[in-house]
Amino acid sequence: MRIAIGSDHRGVSVRHSIIELLKRLGHEVHDVGAFDCGSVDYPDIAATVSQSVAASEVDRGILICGSGIGMAIVANKVPGVRAATCHDDLTAEMSRRHNNVNVLCLSADMLGERLIDRMVEIWLTTEFEGGRHARRIEKISEFEKRLHEHDPS
């Protein structure tokens, strides 16, 4: 898979660890930073990764900040992106199985390295179930389209 990954300054070391994992697993990685521990605004990073996912430049995205919450808020503003902040194996699995999440958001401050590695692997290998869940995802897409039809910008 082609995976875009980005973090704010609090997630730099976690991002580097995930990049190494992704490469070991044979994935193509598009790293959008932050490239040092100086303060950056997470919305800029989240927008870059999310727009890459929405434009099908990459297959999925991973975002890391202190809690993972701010990244998810920004990512979900981009039509076609379904982002979720996951905090354990089950939320990583179910985000894919039922919600077809294409952007995984993680906390740099609240999760350990082994847990993060496990969650990323689960998230990458879990297939979307489709069925009734596909109908619900289609409703989300229709809602996005209606919202953007009325957007004057």
Protein backbone atom coordinates (compact mmCIF):
# COMPACT_ATOMS: atom_id res chain seq x y z
CA MET A 1 0.00 0.00 0.00
CA ARG A 2 0.94 3.65 -0.40
CA ILE A 3 0.60 5.31 2.98
CA ALA A 4 0.94 9.00 3.82
CA ILE A 5 2.03 9.70 7.37
CA GLY A 6 2.34 12.92 9.30
CA SER A 7 2.67 14.18 12.84
CA ASP A 8 2.94 17.36 14.77
CA HIS A 9 5.99 18.05 16.92
CA ARG A 10 4.73 15.79 19.73
CA GLY A 11 4.47 12.80 17.41
CA VAL A 12 7.84 12.95 15.62
CA SER A 13 9.47 9.98 17.37
CA VAL A 14 6.32 7.84 17.13
CA ARG A 15 6.06 8.70 13.42
CA HIS A 16 9.64 7.59 12.83
CA SER A 17 8.91 4.25 14.53
CA ILE A 18 5.77 3.72 12.46
CA ILE A 19 7.64 4.58 9.25
CA GLU A 20 10.19 1.86 10.02
CA LEU A 21 7.37 -0.61 10.70
CA LEU A 22 5.61 0.29 7.45
CA LYS A 23 8.79 -0.17 5.45
CA ARG A 24 9.48 -3.54 7.10
CA LEU A 25 5.96 -4.59 6.11
CA GLY A 26 6.67 -3.62 2.50
CA HIS A 27 4.57 -0.47 2.22
CA GLU A 28 5.48 2.68 0.30
CA VAL A 29 5.65 5.61 2.73
CA HIS A 30 5.02 9.28 1.97
CA ASP A 31 6.31 11.22 5.00
CA VAL A 32 4.91 14.75 5.27
CA GLY A 33 6.60 15.70 8.56
CA ALA A 34 6.93 17.45 10.96
CA PHE A 35 10.63 17.04 10.43
CA ASP A 36 11.86 18.29 13.80
CA CYS A 37 10.51 18.85 17.29
CA GLY A 38 9.84 22.55 16.79
CA SER A 39 6.24 23.54 17.27
CA VAL A 40 4.00 23.07 14.22
CA ASP A 41 0.28 23.47 13.68
CA TYR A 42 -1.31 20.04 13.40
CA PRO A 43 -4.09 21.21 11.02
CA ASP A 44 -1.49 21.80 8.29
CA ILE A 45 -0.12 18.26 8.57
CA ALA A 46 -3.58 16.68 8.84
CA ALA A 47 -4.81 18.55 5.78
CA THR A 48 -1.84 17.44 3.68
CA VAL A 49 -2.24 13.75 4.54
CA SER A 50 -6.04 13.82 4.23
CA GLN A 51 -6.03 15.56 0.88
CA SER A 52 -3.57 12.96 -0.42
CA VAL A 53 -5.94 10.20 0.68
CA ALA A 54 -9.01 11.92 -0.79
CA ALA A 55 -7.23 12.48 -4.12
CA SER A 56 -6.19 8.78 -4.22
CA GLU A 57 -2.51 9.77 -4.30
CA VAL A 58 -2.12 7.26 -1.46
CA ASP A 59 -4.25 4.37 -0.26
CA ARG A 60 -4.41 5.36 3.40
CA GLY A 61 -3.09 7.88 5.90
CA ILE A 62 -1.76 7.84 9.44
CA LEU A 63 -1.69 10.94 11.66
CA ILE A 64 -0.09 11.36 15.08
CA CYS A 65 -0.42 14.19 17.59
CA GLY A 66 -0.53 14.39 21.39
CA SER A 67 -4.01 12.83 21.65
CA GLY A 68 -4.90 11.97 18.04
CA ILE A 69 -8.11 13.92 18.46
CA GLY A 70 -7.15 17.20 16.77
CA MET A 71 -5.80 15.34 13.75
CA ALA A 72 -9.08 13.40 13.41
CA ILE A 73 -11.13 16.60 13.59
CA VAL A 74 -9.18 18.14 10.72
CA ALA A 75 -9.02 14.96 8.65
CA ASN A 76 -12.78 14.49 8.80
CA LYS A 77 -13.30 17.92 7.22
CA VAL A 78 -11.92 16.54 3.93
CA PRO A 79 -14.63 14.92 1.78
CA GLY A 80 -13.92 11.25 1.20
CA VAL A 81 -11.86 10.87 4.35
CA ARG A 82 -13.06 8.71 7.20
CA ALA A 83 -10.68 9.26 10.10
CA ALA A 84 -10.81 7.74 13.56
CA THR A 85 -8.75 8.14 16.69
CA CYS A 86 -8.03 4.62 17.87
CA HIS A 87 -6.66 3.66 21.26
CA ASP A 88 -6.50 -0.15 21.28
CA ASP A 89 -6.58 -3.25 19.07
CA LEU A 90 -10.38 -3.42 18.98
CA THR A 91 -10.92 0.20 17.90
CA ALA A 92 -8.25 -0.21 15.20
CA GLU A 93 -9.95 -3.36 13.92
CA MET A 94 -13.51 -2.08 14.07
CA SER A 95 -12.60 1.23 12.46
CA ARG A 96 -11.70 -0.77 9.34
CA ARG A 97 -14.22 -3.61 9.60
CA HIS A 98 -17.33 -1.45 10.05
CA ASN A 99 -16.33 2.10 9.09
CA ASN A 100 -13.77 1.57 6.31
CA VAL A 101 -11.55 4.17 7.96
CA ASN A 102 -8.87 5.41 5.58
CA VAL A 103 -6.99 7.68 8.02
CA LEU A 104 -5.81 6.30 11.35
CA CYS A 105 -5.21 8.91 14.07
CA LEU A 106 -3.03 8.03 17.03
CA SER A 107 -1.91 9.54 20.31
CA ALA A 108 1.81 10.06 20.74
CA ASP A 109 1.38 10.67 24.47
CA MET A 110 -0.98 7.92 25.63
CA LEU A 111 0.03 4.76 23.75
CA GLY A 112 3.10 2.56 24.01
CA GLU A 113 5.25 1.56 21.04
CA ARG A 114 4.25 -2.13 21.04
CA LEU A 115 0.55 -1.24 21.19
CA ILE A 116 0.93 1.26 18.36
CA ASP A 117 2.76 -1.28 16.20
CA ARG A 118 0.05 -3.88 16.82
CA MET A 119 -2.72 -1.38 16.10
CA VAL A 120 -1.13 -0.25 12.84
CA GLU A 121 -0.69 -3.85 11.68
CA ILE A 122 -4.29 -4.70 12.58
CA TRP A 123 -5.57 -1.57 10.85
CA LEU A 124 -3.60 -2.31 7.69
CA THR A 125 -4.67 -5.95 7.42
CA THR A 126 -8.33 -5.71 8.45
CA GLU A 127 -10.72 -5.71 5.51
CA PHE A 128 -13.94 -3.70 5.31
CA GLU A 129 -16.92 -6.05 5.80
CA GLY A 130 -19.22 -4.24 3.38
CA GLY A 131 -22.86 -5.34 3.55
CA ARG A 132 -24.96 -3.17 5.84
CA HIS A 133 -21.81 -1.20 6.67
CA ALA A 134 -21.32 -0.27 2.99
CA ARG A 135 -24.85 1.17 2.94
CA ARG A 136 -23.99 3.35 5.92
CA ILE A 137 -20.70 4.53 4.41
CA GLU A 138 -22.59 5.44 1.22
CA LYS A 139 -24.99 7.54 3.32
CA ILE A 140 -22.01 9.41 4.77
CA SER A 141 -20.70 10.05 1.25
CA GLU A 142 -24.11 11.30 0.10
CA PHE A 143 -24.26 13.63 3.11
CA GLU A 144 -20.82 15.03 2.25
CA LYS A 145 -21.90 15.64 -1.35
CA ARG A 146 -25.06 17.48 -0.24
CA LEU A 147 -23.05 19.66 2.14
CA HIS A 148 -20.52 20.60 -0.53
CA GLU A 149 -23.20 21.31 -3.16
CA HIS A 150 -24.40 24.13 -0.91
CA ASP A 151 -20.93 25.40 -0.03
CA PRO A 152 -20.51 28.82 -1.71
CA SER A 153 -16.68 28.69 -1.68
